[in-house]
C-alpha atoms as a PDB file:
ATOM      1  CA  UNK A   1      30.652 -52.201  13.537  1.00  0.00           C
ATOM      2  CA  UNK A   2      30.012 -49.041  15.894  1.00  0.00           C
ATOM      3  CA  UNK A   3      26.164 -47.845  15.039  1.00  0.00           C
ATOM      4  CA  UNK A   4      23.710 -46.227  17.039  1.00  0.00           C
ATOM      5  CA  UNK A   5      21.135 -48.048  18.983  1.00  0.00           C
ATOM      6  CA  UNK A   6      17.557 -46.923  19.751  1.00  0.00           C
ATOM      7  CA  UNK A   7      14.408 -47.562  21.558  1.00  0.00           C
ATOM      8  CA  UNK A   8      11.308 -47.559  19.387  1.00  0.00           C
ATOM      9  CA  UNK A   9       8.749 -45.517  21.817  1.00  0.00           C
ATOM     10  CA  UNK A  10       5.401 -46.804  20.610  1.00  0.00           C
ATOM     11  CA  UNK A  11       5.033 -49.567  23.168  1.00  0.00           C
ATOM     12  CA  UNK A  12       5.576 -47.107  25.819  1.00  0.00           C
ATOM     13  CA  UNK A  13       3.128 -44.371  24.700  1.00  0.00           C
ATOM     14  CA  UNK A  14       1.279 -45.011  27.862  1.00  0.00           C
ATOM     15  CA  UNK A  15       4.651 -43.352  30.152  1.00  0.00           C
ATOM     16  CA  UNK A  16       4.933 -39.721  29.441  1.00  0.00           C
ATOM     17  CA  UNK A  17       7.999 -38.607  27.158  1.00  0.00           C
ATOM     18  CA  UNK A  18      10.237 -37.440  29.777  1.00  0.00           C
ATOM     19  CA  UNK A  19      10.096 -40.606  31.564  1.00  0.00           C
ATOM     20  CA  UNK A  20      10.821 -42.431  28.325  1.00  0.00           C
ATOM     21  CA  UNK A  21      14.042 -40.711  27.955  1.00  0.00           C
ATOM     22  CA  UNK A  22      15.200 -40.936  31.212  1.00  0.00           C
ATOM     23  CA  UNK A  23      14.602 -44.406  30.956  1.00  0.00           C
ATOM     24  CA  UNK A  24      16.221 -45.015  27.712  1.00  0.00           C
ATOM     25  CA  UNK A  25      19.258 -42.738  28.755  1.00  0.00           C
ATOM     26  CA  UNK A  26      19.775 -44.755  32.094  1.00  0.00           C
ATOM     27  CA  UNK A  27      19.872 -47.300  30.364  1.00  0.00           C
ATOM     28  CA  UNK A  28      22.097 -46.901  27.521  1.00  0.00           C
ATOM     29  CA  UNK A  29      20.584 -46.290  24.757  1.00  0.00           C
ATOM     30  CA  UNK A  30      21.679 -43.708  22.064  1.00  0.00           C
ATOM     31  CA  UNK A  31      18.323 -42.225  20.935  1.00  0.00           C
ATOM     32  CA  UNK A  32      15.032 -42.654  19.940  1.00  0.00           C
ATOM     33  CA  UNK A  33      12.739 -43.948  17.113  1.00  0.00           C
ATOM     34  CA  UNK A  34       9.838 -41.536  18.281  1.00  0.00           C
ATOM     35  CA  UNK A  35       6.628 -42.582  17.624  1.00  0.00           C
ATOM     36  CA  UNK A  36       3.800 -40.352  17.108  1.00  0.00           C
ATOM     37  CA  UNK A  37       1.358 -41.715  19.824  1.00  0.00           C
ATOM     38  CA  UNK A  38       0.954 -40.417  23.432  1.00  0.00           C
ATOM     39  CA  UNK A  39       2.632 -37.429  24.228  1.00  0.00           C
ATOM     40  CA  UNK A  40       5.772 -38.402  22.812  1.00  0.00           C
ATOM     41  CA  UNK A  41       5.226 -36.570  19.254  1.00  0.00           C
ATOM     42  CA  UNK A  42       2.053 -34.749  18.257  1.00  0.00           C
ATOM     43  CA  UNK A  43       2.336 -33.943  14.736  1.00  0.00           C
ATOM     44  CA  UNK A  44      -0.540 -31.421  14.960  1.00  0.00           C
ATOM     45  CA  UNK A  45       1.008 -29.571  17.663  1.00  0.00           C
ATOM     46  CA  UNK A  46       4.610 -29.509  15.988  1.00  0.00           C
ATOM     47  CA  UNK A  47       3.295 -27.742  12.766  1.00  0.00           C
ATOM     48  CA  UNK A  48       1.175 -25.345  15.029  1.00  0.00           C
ATOM     49  CA  UNK A  49       3.159 -24.247  17.786  1.00  0.00           C
ATOM     50  CA  UNK A  50       7.239 -23.049  16.903  1.00  0.00           C
ATOM     51  CA  UNK A  51       8.187 -24.097  20.484  1.00  0.00           C
ATOM     52  CA  UNK A  52       7.150 -27.315  20.628  1.00  0.00           C
ATOM     53  CA  UNK A  53       9.509 -29.353  18.789  1.00  0.00           C
ATOM     54  CA  UNK A  54      12.273 -26.876  20.469  1.00  0.00           C
ATOM     55  CA  UNK A  55      11.207 -28.100  23.894  1.00  0.00           C
ATOM     56  CA  UNK A  56      11.682 -31.737  22.595  1.00  0.00           C
ATOM     57  CA  UNK A  57      14.530 -31.051  21.192  1.00  0.00           C
ATOM     58  CA  UNK A  58      16.146 -29.768  24.394  1.00  0.00           C
ATOM     59  CA  UNK A  59      14.619 -32.508  26.059  1.00  0.00           C
ATOM     60  CA  UNK A  60      16.377 -35.166  24.288  1.00  0.00           C
ATOM     61  CA  UNK A  61      19.567 -32.891  24.709  1.00  0.00           C
ATOM     62  CA  UNK A  62      19.056 -32.940  28.799  1.00  0.00           C
ATOM     63  CA  UNK A  63      18.921 -37.035  28.552  1.00  0.00           C
ATOM     64  CA  UNK A  64      21.974 -37.116  25.809  1.00  0.00           C
ATOM     65  CA  UNK A  65      19.675 -38.596  23.200  1.00  0.00           C
ATOM     66  CA  UNK A  66      18.945 -38.172  19.396  1.00  0.00           C
ATOM     67  CA  UNK A  67      16.399 -38.454  17.382  1.00  0.00           C
ATOM     68  CA  UNK A  68      17.105 -40.964  14.148  1.00  0.00           C
ATOM     69  CA  UNK A  69      13.899 -41.914  13.021  1.00  0.00           C
ATOM     70  CA  UNK A  70      10.213 -41.014  13.839  1.00  0.00           C
ATOM     71  CA  UNK A  71       7.485 -43.267  13.342  1.00  0.00           C
ATOM     72  CA  UNK A  72       3.517 -42.456  12.426  1.00  0.00           C
ATOM     73  CA  UNK A  73       2.435 -46.193  11.638  1.00  0.00           C
ATOM     74  CA  UNK A  74      -0.787 -46.173  13.250  1.00  0.00           C
ATOM     75  CA  UNK A  75      -2.005 -42.559  10.821  1.00  0.00           C
ATOM     76  CA  UNK A  76       0.045 -44.331   7.813  1.00  0.00           C
ATOM     77  CA  UNK A  77      -2.392 -47.241   8.151  1.00  0.00           C
ATOM     78  CA  UNK A  78      -5.325 -45.225   7.422  1.00  0.00           C
ATOM     79  CA  UNK A  79      -4.085 -44.000   4.092  1.00  0.00           C
ATOM     80  CA  UNK A  80      -5.138 -46.610   1.757  1.00  0.00           C
ATOM     81  CA  UNK A  81      -6.984 -49.310   4.427  1.00  0.00           C
ATOM     82  CA  UNK A  82     -10.173 -50.718   3.489  1.00  0.00           C
ATOM     83  CA  UNK A  83     -12.416 -51.307   5.514  1.00  0.00           C
ATOM     84  CA  UNK A  84     -12.276 -48.215   7.672  1.00  0.00           C
ATOM     85  CA  UNK A  85     -13.970 -49.045  10.949  1.00  0.00           C
ATOM     86  CA  UNK A  86     -13.752 -49.030  14.862  1.00  0.00           C
ATOM     87  CA  UNK A  87     -10.457 -50.816  14.539  1.00  0.00           C
ATOM     88  CA  UNK A  88      -8.778 -47.649  13.361  1.00  0.00           C
ATOM     89  CA  UNK A  89     -10.927 -45.020  15.431  1.00  0.00           C
ATOM     90  CA  UNK A  90      -9.085 -46.875  17.853  1.00  0.00           C
ATOM     91  CA  UNK A  91      -5.721 -45.955  17.056  1.00  0.00           C
ATOM     92  CA  UNK A  92      -6.396 -42.608  15.018  1.00  0.00           C
ATOM     93  CA  UNK A  93      -6.184 -39.095  16.680  1.00  0.00           C
ATOM     94  CA  UNK A  94      -9.673 -37.663  16.901  1.00  0.00           C
ATOM     95  CA  UNK A  95      -9.129 -34.944  14.714  1.00  0.00           C
ATOM     96  CA  UNK A  96      -7.853 -38.124  11.361  1.00  0.00           C
ATOM     97  CA  UNK A  97     -11.107 -39.942  13.070  1.00  0.00           C
ATOM     98  CA  UNK A  98     -13.656 -37.230  12.596  1.00  0.00           C
ATOM     99  CA  UNK A  99     -17.158 -38.496  12.194  1.00  0.00           C
ATOM    100  CA  UNK A 100     -15.380 -41.832  11.030  1.00  0.00           C
ATOM    101  CA  UNK A 101     -16.521 -41.356   6.791  1.00  0.00           C
ATOM    102  CA  UNK A 102     -14.318 -43.355   5.296  1.00  0.00           C
ATOM    103  CA  UNK A 103     -12.982 -41.329   2.290  1.00  0.00           C
ATOM    104  CA  UNK A 104     -12.588 -38.637   4.608  1.00  0.00           C
ATOM    105  CA  UNK A 105     -10.305 -40.157   6.995  1.00  0.00           C
ATOM    106  CA  UNK A 106      -8.084 -41.484   4.728  1.00  0.00           C
ATOM    107  CA  UNK A 107      -7.854 -37.964   3.467  1.00  0.00           C
ATOM    108  CA  UNK A 108      -6.854 -36.664   6.536  1.00  0.00           C
ATOM    109  CA  UNK A 109      -4.339 -39.318   7.249  1.00  0.00           C
ATOM    110  CA  UNK A 110      -2.398 -38.573   3.805  1.00  0.00           C
ATOM    111  CA  UNK A 111      -2.490 -34.967   4.820  1.00  0.00           C
ATOM    112  CA  UNK A 112      -0.761 -35.907   8.378  1.00  0.00           C
ATOM    113  CA  UNK A 113       1.743 -38.061   6.480  1.00  0.00           C
ATOM    114  CA  UNK A 114       2.319 -35.287   4.393  1.00  0.00           C
ATOM    115  CA  UNK A 115       3.174 -32.917   7.832  1.00  0.00           C
ATOM    116  CA  UNK A 116       5.025 -35.692   9.388  1.00  0.00           C
ATOM    117  CA  UNK A 117       7.956 -35.374   6.379  1.00  0.00           C
ATOM    118  CA  UNK A 118       7.786 -31.724   7.750  1.00  0.00           C
ATOM    119  CA  UNK A 119       8.393 -32.462  10.891  1.00  0.00           C
ATOM    120  CA  UNK A 120      11.055 -35.259  10.733  1.00  0.00           C
ATOM    121  CA  UNK A 121      13.033 -32.306   8.651  1.00  0.00           C
ATOM    122  CA  UNK A 122      12.641 -29.703  11.540  1.00  0.00           C
ATOM    123  CA  UNK A 123      13.720 -32.499  14.106  1.00  0.00           C
ATOM    124  CA  UNK A 124      16.637 -33.566  11.710  1.00  0.00           C
ATOM    125  CA  UNK A 125      15.350 -36.984  11.569  1.00  0.00           C
ATOM    126  CA  UNK A 126      15.791 -38.213   7.723  1.00  0.00           C
ATOM    127  CA  UNK A 127      13.720 -41.035   7.934  1.00  0.00           C
ATOM    128  CA  UNK A 128       9.790 -42.050   8.895  1.00  0.00           C
ATOM    129  CA  UNK A 129       8.630 -45.438   9.292  1.00  0.00           C
ATOM    130  CA  UNK A 130       5.390 -46.519   9.540  1.00  0.00           C
ATOM    131  CA  UNK A 131       2.195 -48.193   7.616  1.00  0.00           C
ATOM    132  CA  UNK A 132       0.391 -47.756   4.137  1.00  0.00           C
ATOM    133  CA  UNK A 133      -2.409 -49.480   4.936  1.00  0.00           C
ATOM    134  CA  UNK A 134      -4.285 -51.514   2.058  1.00  0.00           C
ATOM    135  CA  UNK A 135      -6.999 -51.509   0.215  1.00  0.00           C
ATOM    136  CA  UNK A 136      -6.741 -55.187  -0.791  1.00  0.00           C
ATOM    137  CA  UNK A 137      -5.255 -56.801   2.440  1.00  0.00           C
ATOM    138  CA  UNK A 138      -9.244 -58.284   2.744  1.00  0.00           C
ATOM    139  CA  UNK A 139      -8.526 -60.355   0.144  1.00  0.00           C
ATOM    140  CA  UNK A 140      -5.435 -61.766   0.965  1.00  0.00           C
ATOM    141  CA  UNK A 141      -7.223 -65.423   1.119  1.00  0.00           C
ATOM    142  CA  UNK A 142      -8.219 -65.444  -2.357  1.00  0.00           C
ATOM    143  CA  UNK A 143     -11.314 -66.565  -1.905  1.00  0.00           C
ATOM    144  CA  UNK A 144     -14.140 -65.814  -3.068  1.00  0.00           C
ATOM    145  CA  UNK A 145     -12.135 -65.647  -6.601  1.00  0.00           C
ATOM    146  CA  UNK A 146     -10.138 -62.782  -6.822  1.00  0.00           C
ATOM    147  CA  UNK A 147      -9.039 -60.943 -10.231  1.00  0.00           C
ATOM    148  CA  UNK A 148      -6.317 -60.042 -11.361  1.00  0.00           C
ATOM    149  CA  UNK A 149      -7.758 -56.810 -11.974  1.00  0.00           C
ATOM    150  CA  UNK A 150      -8.934 -56.176  -8.101  1.00  0.00           C
ATOM    151  CA  UNK A 151      -5.490 -56.293  -7.498  1.00  0.00           C
ATOM    152  CA  UNK A 152      -3.994 -54.253 -10.050  1.00  0.00           C
ATOM    153  CA  UNK A 153      -6.519 -51.396  -9.176  1.00  0.00           C
ATOM    154  CA  UNK A 154      -5.188 -51.726  -5.405  1.00  0.00           C
ATOM    155  CA  UNK A 155      -1.622 -51.032  -6.550  1.00  0.00           C
ATOM    156  CA  UNK A 156      -2.791 -48.371  -8.585  1.00  0.00           C
ATOM    157  CA  UNK A 157      -5.150 -46.839  -5.361  1.00  0.00           C
ATOM    158  CA  UNK A 158      -1.733 -47.370  -3.136  1.00  0.00           C
ATOM    159  CA  UNK A 159       0.231 -45.057  -5.956  1.00  0.00           C
ATOM    160  CA  UNK A 160      -2.443 -42.596  -6.209  1.00  0.00           C
ATOM    161  CA  UNK A 161      -2.526 -41.869  -2.387  1.00  0.00           C
ATOM    162  CA  UNK A 162       1.280 -42.231  -1.591  1.00  0.00           C
ATOM    163  CA  UNK A 163       2.785 -40.207  -4.421  1.00  0.00           C
ATOM    164  CA  UNK A 164       1.368 -37.617  -3.690  1.00  0.00           C
ATOM    165  CA  UNK A 165       2.580 -38.038   0.358  1.00  0.00           C
ATOM    166  CA  UNK A 166       6.140 -38.918  -1.048  1.00  0.00           C
ATOM    167  CA  UNK A 167       6.181 -35.377  -3.176  1.00  0.00           C
ATOM    168  CA  UNK A 168       6.296 -33.625   0.332  1.00  0.00           C
ATOM    169  CA  UNK A 169       8.844 -36.315   1.650  1.00  0.00           C
ATOM    170  CA  UNK A 170      11.261 -35.642  -1.645  1.00  0.00           C
ATOM    171  CA  UNK A 171      10.814 -31.604  -0.465  1.00  0.00           C
ATOM    172  CA  UNK A 172      11.793 -31.795   2.812  1.00  0.00           C
ATOM    173  CA  UNK A 173      14.696 -34.181   1.985  1.00  0.00           C
ATOM    174  CA  UNK A 174      13.077 -37.232   3.937  1.00  0.00           C
ATOM    175  CA  UNK A 175      12.213 -40.921   3.075  1.00  0.00           C
ATOM    176  CA  UNK A 176       9.588 -42.801   4.246  1.00  0.00           C
ATOM    177  CA  UNK A 177      10.410 -46.744   5.545  1.00  0.00           C
ATOM    178  CA  UNK A 178       7.691 -49.050   5.469  1.00  0.00           C
ATOM    179  CA  UNK A 179       7.472 -51.583   7.562  1.00  0.00           C
ATOM    180  CA  UNK A 180       7.118 -55.031   5.330  1.00  0.00           C
ATOM    181  CA  UNK A 181       3.770 -56.376   7.417  1.00  0.00           C
ATOM    182  CA  UNK A 182       0.516 -58.248   7.076  1.00  0.00           C
ATOM    183  CA  UNK A 183      -2.446 -56.204   6.572  1.00  0.00           C
ATOM    184  CA  UNK A 184      -0.103 -53.617   4.636  1.00  0.00           C
ATOM    185  CA  UNK A 185       0.203 -53.126   0.739  1.00  0.00           C
ATOM    186  CA  UNK A 186       3.352 -54.981   0.956  1.00  0.00           C
ATOM    187  CA  UNK A 187       3.534 -57.766   3.429  1.00  0.00           C
ATOM    188  CA  UNK A 188       6.095 -60.382   2.181  1.00  0.00           C
ATOM    189  CA  UNK A 189       8.730 -60.496  -0.979  1.00  0.00           C
ATOM    190  CA  UNK A 190       6.527 -60.469  -4.003  1.00  0.00           C
ATOM    191  CA  UNK A 191       3.963 -58.058  -2.506  1.00  0.00           C
ATOM    192  CA  UNK A 192       7.060 -55.620  -2.072  1.00  0.00           C
ATOM    193  CA  UNK A 193       8.797 -56.021  -5.699  1.00  0.00           C
ATOM    194  CA  UNK A 194       4.916 -54.773  -6.548  1.00  0.00           C
ATOM    195  CA  UNK A 195       4.785 -51.960  -3.892  1.00  0.00           C
ATOM    196  CA  UNK A 196       8.055 -50.805  -5.691  1.00  0.00           C
ATOM    197  CA  UNK A 197       7.030 -51.079  -9.119  1.00  0.00           C
ATOM    198  CA  UNK A 198       3.854 -49.323  -8.320  1.00  0.00           C
ATOM    199  CA  UNK A 199       5.329 -46.045  -7.544  1.00  0.00           C
ATOM    200  CA  UNK A 200       7.796 -45.974  -9.985  1.00  0.00           C
ATOM    201  CA  UNK A 201      10.792 -47.000  -7.637  1.00  0.00           C
ATOM    202  CA  UNK A 202      10.972 -43.499  -6.258  1.00  0.00           C
ATOM    203  CA  UNK A 203      13.552 -43.104  -3.791  1.00  0.00           C
ATOM    204  CA  UNK A 204      11.437 -41.471  -1.063  1.00  0.00           C
ATOM    205  CA  UNK A 205       9.417 -44.854  -0.847  1.00  0.00           C
ATOM    206  CA  UNK A 206      11.815 -47.190   1.066  1.00  0.00           C
ATOM    207  CA  UNK A 207      11.633 -50.413   3.800  1.00  0.00           C
ATOM    208  CA  UNK A 208      12.139 -50.893   7.515  1.00  0.00           C
ATOM    209  CA  UNK A 209      13.780 -53.911   7.880  1.00  0.00           C
ATOM    210  CA  UNK A 210      12.020 -55.946  10.744  1.00  0.00           C
ATOM    211  CA  UNK A 211      12.949 -59.607  10.372  1.00  0.00           C
ATOM    212  CA  UNK A 212      10.500 -60.584  12.930  1.00  0.00           C
ATOM    213  CA  UNK A 213       7.469 -60.215  10.418  1.00  0.00           C
ATOM    214  CA  UNK A 214       9.420 -62.649   8.411  1.00  0.00           C
ATOM    215  CA  UNK A 215       9.654 -65.961  10.784  1.00  0.00           C
ATOM    216  CA  UNK A 216       6.245 -66.773  10.888  1.00  0.00           C
ATOM    217  CA  UNK A 217       5.675 -66.506   7.416  1.00  0.00           C
ATOM    218  CA  UNK A 218       8.560 -68.610   6.516  1.00  0.00           C
ATOM    219  CA  UNK A 219      10.464 -66.035   4.236  1.00  0.00           C
ATOM    220  CA  UNK A 220      13.892 -65.865   4.284  1.00  0.00           C
ATOM    221  CA  UNK A 221      14.726 -62.345   6.014  1.00  0.00           C
ATOM    222  CA  UNK A 222      18.332 -62.463   5.072  1.00  0.00           C
ATOM    223  CA  UNK A 223      17.924 -62.895   1.401  1.00  0.00           C
ATOM    224  CA  UNK A 224      14.967 -60.113   1.372  1.00  0.00           C
ATOM    225  CA  UNK A 225      17.498 -57.693   3.272  1.00  0.00           C
ATOM    226  CA  UNK A 226      20.174 -58.755   0.473  1.00  0.00           C
ATOM    227  CA  UNK A 227      18.067 -58.111  -2.459  1.00  0.00           C
ATOM    228  CA  UNK A 228      16.659 -54.564  -1.405  1.00  0.00           C
ATOM    229  CA  UNK A 229      19.658 -53.637   0.167  1.00  0.00           C
ATOM    230  CA  UNK A 230      19.269 -50.309  -1.738  1.00  0.00           C
ATOM    231  CA  UNK A 231      15.761 -49.593  -0.110  1.00  0.00           C
ATOM    232  CA  UNK A 232      17.165 -50.242   3.523  1.00  0.00           C
ATOM    233  CA  UNK A 233      16.222 -46.782   5.378  1.00  0.00           C
ATOM    234  CA  UNK A 234      15.641 -47.944   8.844  1.00  0.00           C
ATOM    235  CA  UNK A 235      16.287 -51.479  10.950  1.00  0.00           C
ATOM    236  CA  UNK A 236      13.823 -52.538  14.042  1.00  0.00           C
ATOM    237  CA  UNK A 237      14.950 -55.217  15.576  1.00  0.00           C
ATOM    238  CA  UNK A 238      12.014 -57.583  17.669  1.00  0.00           C
ATOM    239  CA  UNK A 239      12.401 -61.778  18.194  1.00  0.00           C
ATOM    240  CA  UNK A 240       9.533 -63.925  17.055  1.00  0.00           C
ATOM    241  CA  UNK A 241       9.170 -67.662  18.031  1.00  0.00           C
ATOM    242  CA  UNK A 242       6.824 -70.202  15.981  1.00  0.00           C
ATOM    243  CA  UNK A 243       4.713 -72.738  17.931  1.00  0.00           C
ATOM    244  CA  UNK A 244       3.492 -74.789  15.009  1.00  0.00           C
ATOM    245  CA  UNK A 245       1.967 -77.736  15.971  1.00  0.00           C
ATOM    246  CA  UNK A 246      -1.517 -79.723  15.346  1.00  0.00           C
ATOM    247  CA  UNK A 247      -3.569 -77.026  16.844  1.00  0.00           C
ATOM    248  CA  UNK A 248      -1.522 -73.669  16.531  1.00  0.00           C
ATOM    249  CA  UNK A 249      -1.321 -72.442  13.161  1.00  0.00           C
ATOM    250  CA  UNK A 250       0.151 -69.481  11.525  1.00  0.00           C
ATOM    251  CA  UNK A 251      -2.857 -66.968  10.837  1.00  0.00           C
ATOM    252  CA  UNK A 252      -3.421 -67.110  14.707  1.00  0.00           C
ATOM    253  CA  UNK A 253      -6.589 -67.746  14.854  1.00  0.00           C
ATOM    254  CA  UNK A 254      -7.778 -64.263  16.112  1.00  0.00           C
ATOM    255  CA  UNK A 255      -6.364 -64.960  19.556  1.00  0.00           C
ATOM    256  CA  UNK A 256      -5.090 -62.225  21.429  1.00  0.00           C
ATOM    257  CA  UNK A 257      -1.190 -61.657  21.609  1.00  0.00           C
ATOM    258  CA  UNK A 258       0.599 -64.082  23.845  1.00  0.00           C
ATOM    259  CA  UNK A 259      -2.016 -66.607  23.638  1.00  0.00           C
ATOM    260  CA  UNK A 260      -0.333 -70.050  23.751  1.00  0.00           C
ATOM    261  CA  UNK A 261      -2.863 -71.151  21.329  1.00  0.00           C
ATOM    262  CA  UNK A 262      -0.822 -68.854  18.823  1.00  0.00           C
ATOM    263  CA  UNK A 263       0.969 -70.311  16.171  1.00  0.00           C
ATOM    264  CA  UNK A 264       3.879 -67.673  16.688  1.00  0.00           C
ATOM    265  CA  UNK A 265       4.568 -65.078  19.290  1.00  0.00           C
ATOM    266  CA  UNK A 266       6.648 -62.166  19.824  1.00  0.00           C
ATOM    267  CA  UNK A 267       9.258 -62.768  22.271  1.00  0.00           C
ATOM    268  CA  UNK A 268      12.598 -61.197  24.268  1.00  0.00           C
ATOM    269  CA  UNK A 269      15.408 -60.246  21.792  1.00  0.00           C
ATOM    270  CA  UNK A 270      17.252 -63.336  22.060  1.00  0.00           C
ATOM    271  CA  UNK A 271      14.676 -65.997  22.892  1.00  0.00           C
ATOM    272  CA  UNK A 272      13.094 -66.871  20.051  1.00  0.00           C
ATOM    273  CA  UNK A 273      14.159 -68.143  16.230  1.00  0.00           C
ATOM    274  CA  UNK A 274      15.467 -64.867  14.813  1.00  0.00           C
ATOM    275  CA  UNK A 275      18.959 -65.263  13.457  1.00  0.00           C
ATOM    276  CA  UNK A 276      20.457 -61.715  14.625  1.00  0.00           C
ATOM    277  CA  UNK A 277      23.772 -62.254  13.822  1.00  0.00           C
ATOM    278  CA  UNK A 278      22.821 -63.208  10.264  1.00  0.00           C
ATOM    279  CA  UNK A 279      20.782 -59.543  10.443  1.00  0.00           C
ATOM    280  CA  UNK A 280      23.795 -57.802  11.497  1.00  0.00           C
ATOM    281  CA  UNK A 281      26.177 -59.619   8.963  1.00  0.00           C
ATOM    282  CA  UNK A 282      23.813 -59.067   6.406  1.00  0.00           C
ATOM    283  CA  UNK A 283      23.242 -55.406   7.395  1.00  0.00           C
ATOM    284  CA  UNK A 284      27.343 -54.424   7.639  1.00  0.00           C
ATOM    285  CA  UNK A 285      27.493 -56.501   3.683  1.00  0.00           C
ATOM    286  CA  UNK A 286      24.867 -54.120   2.128  1.00  0.00           C
ATOM    287  CA  UNK A 287      26.596 -50.859   3.634  1.00  0.00           C
ATOM    288  CA  UNK A 288      24.014 -50.066   6.222  1.00  0.00           C
ATOM    289  CA  UNK A 289      24.862 -47.834   8.699  1.00  0.00           C
ATOM    290  CA  UNK A 290      21.736 -46.040   9.780  1.00  0.00           C
ATOM    291  CA  UNK A 291      20.034 -47.152  13.673  1.00  0.00           C
ATOM    292  CA  UNK A 292      19.196 -50.401  14.804  1.00  0.00           C
ATOM    293  CA  UNK A 293      16.008 -49.978  16.729  1.00  0.00           C
ATOM    294  CA  UNK A 294      14.819 -52.316  19.844  1.00  0.00           C
ATOM    295  CA  UNK A 295      11.193 -52.424  19.306  1.00  0.00           C
ATOM    296  CA  UNK A 296       9.524 -54.263  22.622  1.00  0.00           C
ATOM    297  CA  UNK A 297       6.461 -56.404  22.050  1.00  0.00           C
ATOM    298  CA  UNK A 298       6.947 -59.360  24.533  1.00  0.00           C
ATOM    299  CA  UNK A 299       3.928 -59.390  26.388  1.00  0.00           C
ATOM    300  CA  UNK A 300       4.977 -62.365  28.528  1.00  0.00           C
ATOM    301  CA  UNK A 301       8.073 -59.963  29.853  1.00  0.00           C
ATOM    302  CA  UNK A 302       8.571 -56.992  32.166  1.00  0.00           C
ATOM    303  CA  UNK A 303       9.763 -54.561  29.609  1.00  0.00           C
ATOM    304  CA  UNK A 304      11.782 -53.022  32.573  1.00  0.00           C
ATOM    305  CA  UNK A 305      14.033 -55.937  32.837  1.00  0.00           C
ATOM    306  CA  UNK A 306      13.907 -56.875  28.800  1.00  0.00           C
ATOM    307  CA  UNK A 307      14.680 -53.563  26.873  1.00  0.00           C
ATOM    308  CA  UNK A 308      18.161 -53.057  28.670  1.00  0.00           C
ATOM    309  CA  UNK A 309      18.541 -56.860  27.971  1.00  0.00           C
ATOM    310  CA  UNK A 310      17.705 -56.361  24.524  1.00  0.00           C
ATOM    311  CA  UNK A 311      20.182 -53.083  24.809  1.00  0.00           C
ATOM    312  CA  UNK A 312      23.056 -55.632  26.043  1.00  0.00           C
ATOM    313  CA  UNK A 313      22.073 -58.113  23.008  1.00  0.00           C
ATOM    314  CA  UNK A 314      22.268 -55.413  20.393  1.00  0.00           C
ATOM    315  CA  UNK A 315      25.368 -54.007  21.500  1.00  0.00           C
ATOM    316  CA  UNK A 316      27.168 -57.301  21.423  1.00  0.00           C
ATOM    317  CA  UNK A 317      26.293 -57.889  17.768  1.00  0.00           C
ATOM    318  CA  UNK A 318      27.576 -54.371  16.469  1.00  0.00           C
ATOM    319  CA  UNK A 319      30.920 -55.574  17.339  1.00  0.00           C
ATOM    320  CA  UNK A 320      30.548 -57.777  14.086  1.00  0.00           C
ATOM    321  CA  UNK A 321      32.800 -55.769  11.749  1.00  0.00           C
ATOM    322  CA  UNK A 322      32.012 -54.998   7.954  1.00  0.00           C
ATOM    323  CA  UNK A 323      33.977 -57.735   5.283  1.00  0.00           C
ATOM    324  CA  UNK A 324      36.610 -56.275   3.857  1.00  0.00           C
ATOM    325  CA  UNK A 325      35.172 -56.668   0.359  1.00  0.00           C
ATOM    326  CA  UNK A 326      32.163 -55.334  -0.608  1.00  0.00           C
ATOM    327  CA  UNK A 327      30.336 -58.618   0.521  1.00  0.00           C
ATOM    328  CA  UNK A 328      31.592 -61.928   2.230  1.00  0.00           C
ATOM    329  CA  UNK A 329      31.762 -64.264  -0.352  1.00  0.00           C
ATOM    330  CA  UNK A 330      30.233 -67.073   1.343  1.00  0.00           C
ATOM    331  CA  UNK A 331      27.566 -65.512   3.041  1.00  0.00           C
ATOM    332  CA  UNK A 332      26.730 -63.864  -0.407  1.00  0.00           C
ATOM    333  CA  UNK A 333      26.469 -67.603  -1.701  1.00  0.00           C
ATOM    334  CA  UNK A 334      23.565 -68.033   0.468  1.00  0.00           C
ATOM    335  CA  UNK A 335      21.832 -64.819  -0.511  1.00  0.00           C
ATOM    336  CA  UNK A 336      22.105 -64.860  -4.148  1.00  0.00           C
ATOM    337  CA  UNK A 337      22.774 -68.632  -5.062  1.00  0.00           C
ATOM    338  CA  UNK A 338      22.575 -67.499  -9.074  1.00  0.00           C
END
């Protein structure tokens, strides 16, 4: 099935945007998932300067690239998070951080996400990928004991903060694709169910499917894509590998990325444990026709070698054709045994 393959620019924000365009085009990528980081995309400037986005689109056109989605993961993280602290200061634009007063940071972050929807519409990108943050992630160990009321208030807080943001997405005809990821309001299967319930299953709120975050939680990412097939609005591919033994565990031990003592790591596409062929088959089966975006996060490989290698691997997978029926019977039996 022919589908665009894009490069997520978040891990390339140290390079000027034109350099990333030049590299991506030279490797053969069809387009970019542009991160609101570095000089790649500045939401405030885009809102203030009518020529800013025109220049971005002209640059993309020069290199034969399209923008299929934009990402504002970093600012989205601050909309619901608790606590707000120096971690957020390190990732947020100074205008969002301000004096660091937590509620003011959350309010400014929410306002920026509304503007992000407006910028996406102006670019012709129908999807914004990102994080939501969570006021209850810090309770994930459930000790000291956490009451059901605390969890319920966390989902209500998410709904109260994100529904006004999603109203703007509706107005602009853009959808938000939340990346299900530890640290967020939806980080696994059942928290995704709760998050969708919290916002009344409104169409503006969907999912960015990235199987790497499921692997090390021992979750069925293929079944997840099938069950939430009407909510898969975007797809990121990066690989992960479990390295579990008597010393290395899933929680990472507060160790840095790529530290060999961790129980898992993100690795170059095709060098880990993700069944990408299965991912493409289920995406075909659910009728997802959007881009596959390569997210480069292997701290142990030169990205200038790994990114074109990842593109070649994904290109090979896109040769897998959709099933003639709405889904392949044997494959669907695995996903939906009931």
